N, C-alpha and C. Protein backbone atom coordinates (compact mmCIF):
# COMPACT_ATOMS: atom_id res chain seq x y z
N MET A 1 -4.70 12.16 1.88
CA MET A 1 -5.37 11.40 2.93
C MET A 1 -4.45 11.23 4.15
N GLU A 2 -3.16 11.32 3.93
CA GLU A 2 -2.22 11.20 5.05
C GLU A 2 -2.40 12.36 6.02
N ASN A 3 -2.67 13.54 5.50
CA ASN A 3 -2.90 14.69 6.38
C ASN A 3 -4.13 14.49 7.26
N VAL A 4 -5.14 13.84 6.72
CA VAL A 4 -6.35 13.58 7.51
C VAL A 4 -5.99 12.71 8.72
N ARG A 5 -5.20 11.68 8.49
CA ARG A 5 -4.77 10.81 9.60
C ARG A 5 -3.97 11.58 10.64
N ARG A 6 -3.09 12.45 10.16
CA ARG A 6 -2.27 13.24 11.10
C ARG A 6 -3.13 14.19 11.92
N TYR A 7 -4.04 14.90 11.26
CA TYR A 7 -4.91 15.83 11.99
C TYR A 7 -5.77 15.10 13.01
N ARG A 8 -6.30 13.95 12.62
CA ARG A 8 -7.13 13.20 13.57
C ARG A 8 -6.31 12.67 14.73
N ALA A 9 -5.08 12.26 14.48
CA ALA A 9 -4.20 11.79 15.55
C ALA A 9 -3.88 12.94 16.51
N LEU A 10 -3.61 14.12 15.97
CA LEU A 10 -3.33 15.27 16.82
C LEU A 10 -4.55 15.65 17.65
N ALA A 11 -5.73 15.58 17.05
CA ALA A 11 -6.96 15.87 17.79
C ALA A 11 -7.14 14.88 18.94
N SER A 12 -6.86 13.63 18.68
CA SER A 12 -6.97 12.61 19.71
C SER A 12 -5.99 12.87 20.86
N LEU A 13 -4.76 13.23 20.51
CA LEU A 13 -3.77 13.54 21.54
C LEU A 13 -4.20 14.74 22.39
N CYS A 14 -4.76 15.74 21.74
CA CYS A 14 -5.25 16.90 22.49
C CYS A 14 -6.35 16.51 23.46
N ARG A 15 -7.26 15.65 23.02
CA ARG A 15 -8.34 15.21 23.92
C ARG A 15 -7.80 14.40 25.08
N GLN A 16 -6.81 13.55 24.81
CA GLN A 16 -6.20 12.76 25.89
C GLN A 16 -5.51 13.67 26.90
N GLN A 17 -4.79 14.65 26.41
CA GLN A 17 -4.12 15.59 27.31
C GLN A 17 -5.13 16.39 28.12
N ALA A 18 -6.25 16.74 27.52
CA ALA A 18 -7.29 17.50 28.22
C ALA A 18 -7.83 16.71 29.41
N ALA A 19 -7.86 15.40 29.29
CA ALA A 19 -8.35 14.57 30.38
C ALA A 19 -7.42 14.61 31.59
N TYR A 20 -6.14 14.84 31.33
CA TYR A 20 -5.15 14.83 32.42
C TYR A 20 -4.71 16.22 32.87
N ARG A 21 -5.14 17.25 32.16
CA ARG A 21 -4.76 18.61 32.50
C ARG A 21 -6.00 19.48 32.64
N PRO A 22 -6.65 19.45 33.77
CA PRO A 22 -7.91 20.18 33.93
C PRO A 22 -7.77 21.69 33.78
N LEU A 23 -6.61 22.26 34.11
CA LEU A 23 -6.44 23.70 33.98
C LEU A 23 -6.31 24.15 32.53
N GLN A 24 -5.87 23.26 31.64
CA GLN A 24 -5.74 23.58 30.22
C GLN A 24 -6.82 22.88 29.38
N ASN A 25 -7.80 22.36 30.05
CA ASN A 25 -8.85 21.57 29.43
C ASN A 25 -9.47 22.27 28.22
N TRP A 26 -9.95 23.50 28.38
CA TRP A 26 -10.65 24.18 27.30
C TRP A 26 -9.73 24.51 26.14
N GLU A 27 -8.52 24.88 26.44
CA GLU A 27 -7.57 25.19 25.37
C GLU A 27 -7.27 23.95 24.53
N LEU A 28 -7.04 22.83 25.20
CA LEU A 28 -6.73 21.59 24.49
C LEU A 28 -7.93 21.08 23.69
N LEU A 29 -9.11 21.21 24.25
CA LEU A 29 -10.30 20.78 23.50
C LEU A 29 -10.54 21.69 22.29
N GLY A 30 -10.20 22.96 22.43
CA GLY A 30 -10.30 23.87 21.29
C GLY A 30 -9.32 23.49 20.19
N GLN A 31 -8.12 23.10 20.59
CA GLN A 31 -7.13 22.65 19.61
C GLN A 31 -7.60 21.38 18.93
N ALA A 32 -8.19 20.47 19.69
CA ALA A 32 -8.71 19.23 19.11
C ALA A 32 -9.79 19.54 18.07
N GLU A 33 -10.66 20.47 18.40
CA GLU A 33 -11.72 20.85 17.45
C GLU A 33 -11.11 21.47 16.19
N HIS A 34 -10.07 22.26 16.36
CA HIS A 34 -9.40 22.87 15.22
C HIS A 34 -8.79 21.80 14.30
N PHE A 35 -8.14 20.81 14.89
CA PHE A 35 -7.55 19.74 14.08
C PHE A 35 -8.62 18.91 13.37
N GLU A 36 -9.76 18.69 14.03
CA GLU A 36 -10.86 17.98 13.37
C GLU A 36 -11.39 18.79 12.19
N HIS A 37 -11.46 20.10 12.38
CA HIS A 37 -11.90 20.98 11.28
C HIS A 37 -10.94 20.89 10.10
N LEU A 38 -9.64 20.90 10.38
CA LEU A 38 -8.65 20.77 9.30
C LEU A 38 -8.79 19.43 8.59
N ALA A 39 -9.06 18.37 9.34
CA ALA A 39 -9.25 17.05 8.73
C ALA A 39 -10.47 17.06 7.81
N GLU A 40 -11.55 17.71 8.25
CA GLU A 40 -12.74 17.79 7.41
C GLU A 40 -12.47 18.58 6.13
N LEU A 41 -11.71 19.66 6.25
CA LEU A 41 -11.35 20.43 5.05
C LEU A 41 -10.52 19.60 4.07
N GLU A 42 -9.59 18.82 4.60
CA GLU A 42 -8.76 17.95 3.75
C GLU A 42 -9.64 16.91 3.04
N LEU A 43 -10.57 16.31 3.79
CA LEU A 43 -11.46 15.31 3.18
C LEU A 43 -12.32 15.94 2.10
N LYS A 44 -12.87 17.12 2.38
CA LYS A 44 -13.70 17.79 1.39
C LYS A 44 -12.90 18.09 0.13
N ALA A 45 -11.69 18.59 0.30
CA ALA A 45 -10.85 18.88 -0.87
C ALA A 45 -10.55 17.62 -1.66
N HIS A 46 -10.28 16.53 -0.95
CA HIS A 46 -9.99 15.25 -1.62
C HIS A 46 -11.18 14.77 -2.43
N PHE A 47 -12.37 14.78 -1.82
CA PHE A 47 -13.55 14.28 -2.52
C PHE A 47 -14.00 15.24 -3.63
N ASP A 48 -13.80 16.54 -3.43
CA ASP A 48 -14.10 17.48 -4.51
C ASP A 48 -13.21 17.21 -5.71
N ALA A 49 -11.93 16.95 -5.45
CA ALA A 49 -11.00 16.64 -6.54
C ALA A 49 -11.39 15.34 -7.23
N CYS A 50 -11.78 14.34 -6.45
CA CYS A 50 -12.19 13.06 -7.04
C CYS A 50 -13.46 13.23 -7.88
N ASN A 51 -14.41 13.99 -7.36
CA ASN A 51 -15.66 14.20 -8.10
C ASN A 51 -15.42 15.02 -9.37
N ALA A 52 -14.55 16.00 -9.30
CA ALA A 52 -14.24 16.80 -10.49
C ALA A 52 -13.57 15.92 -11.55
N LYS A 53 -12.71 15.04 -11.12
CA LYS A 53 -12.05 14.12 -12.05
C LYS A 53 -13.09 13.20 -12.69
N GLY A 54 -14.03 12.71 -11.90
CA GLY A 54 -15.08 11.84 -12.42
C GLY A 54 -15.98 12.55 -13.41
N GLU A 55 -16.29 13.82 -13.14
CA GLU A 55 -17.12 14.60 -14.06
C GLU A 55 -16.38 14.85 -15.38
N ASP A 56 -15.08 15.09 -15.31
CA ASP A 56 -14.30 15.30 -16.53
C ASP A 56 -14.30 14.04 -17.39
N GLU A 57 -14.15 12.88 -16.76
CA GLU A 57 -14.15 11.62 -17.49
C GLU A 57 -15.52 11.33 -18.07
N ALA A 58 -16.58 11.67 -17.34
CA ALA A 58 -17.94 11.45 -17.83
C ALA A 58 -18.22 12.34 -19.04
N ALA A 59 -17.66 13.54 -19.06
CA ALA A 59 -17.87 14.45 -20.19
C ALA A 59 -17.13 13.96 -21.42
N VAL A 60 -16.01 13.30 -21.24
CA VAL A 60 -15.22 12.81 -22.37
C VAL A 60 -15.79 11.50 -22.90
N ALA A 61 -16.36 10.67 -22.06
CA ALA A 61 -16.81 9.35 -22.43
C ALA A 61 -17.84 9.35 -23.57
N PRO A 62 -18.85 10.22 -23.59
CA PRO A 62 -19.80 10.17 -24.71
C PRO A 62 -19.15 10.43 -26.06
N ALA A 63 -18.08 11.19 -26.10
CA ALA A 63 -17.41 11.45 -27.37
C ALA A 63 -16.81 10.17 -27.94
N TRP A 64 -16.40 9.26 -27.11
CA TRP A 64 -15.83 7.99 -27.57
C TRP A 64 -16.91 7.05 -28.10
N ASP A 65 -18.12 7.21 -27.60
CA ASP A 65 -19.19 6.29 -27.96
C ASP A 65 -19.83 6.63 -29.31
N THR A 66 -19.55 7.79 -29.86
CA THR A 66 -20.18 8.16 -31.11
C THR A 66 -19.53 7.37 -32.25
N PRO A 67 -20.33 6.86 -33.14
CA PRO A 67 -19.76 6.08 -34.25
C PRO A 67 -19.02 7.00 -35.22
N ALA A 68 -18.02 6.46 -35.83
CA ALA A 68 -17.23 7.22 -36.79
C ALA A 68 -18.04 7.46 -38.05
N ALA A 69 -17.88 8.62 -38.61
CA ALA A 69 -18.62 8.94 -39.85
C ALA A 69 -18.08 8.06 -40.99
N ALA A 70 -18.99 7.48 -41.75
CA ALA A 70 -18.57 6.57 -42.82
C ALA A 70 -18.47 7.27 -44.14
């Protein structure tokens, strides 16, 4: 999640610089979009990992609920 914060901060800096540098405007906005894309990929990977972990735990949980054979 730390990478997401870094990417979003870099995207914000690029947008701020674009406001003050009209000749480099499109390049900086492109970089900002790239950093936002990287942040989205990081978030997706994080939530995919969390969901996979949850599915693994859900698959194991029913085995614990079965009564022991007497």
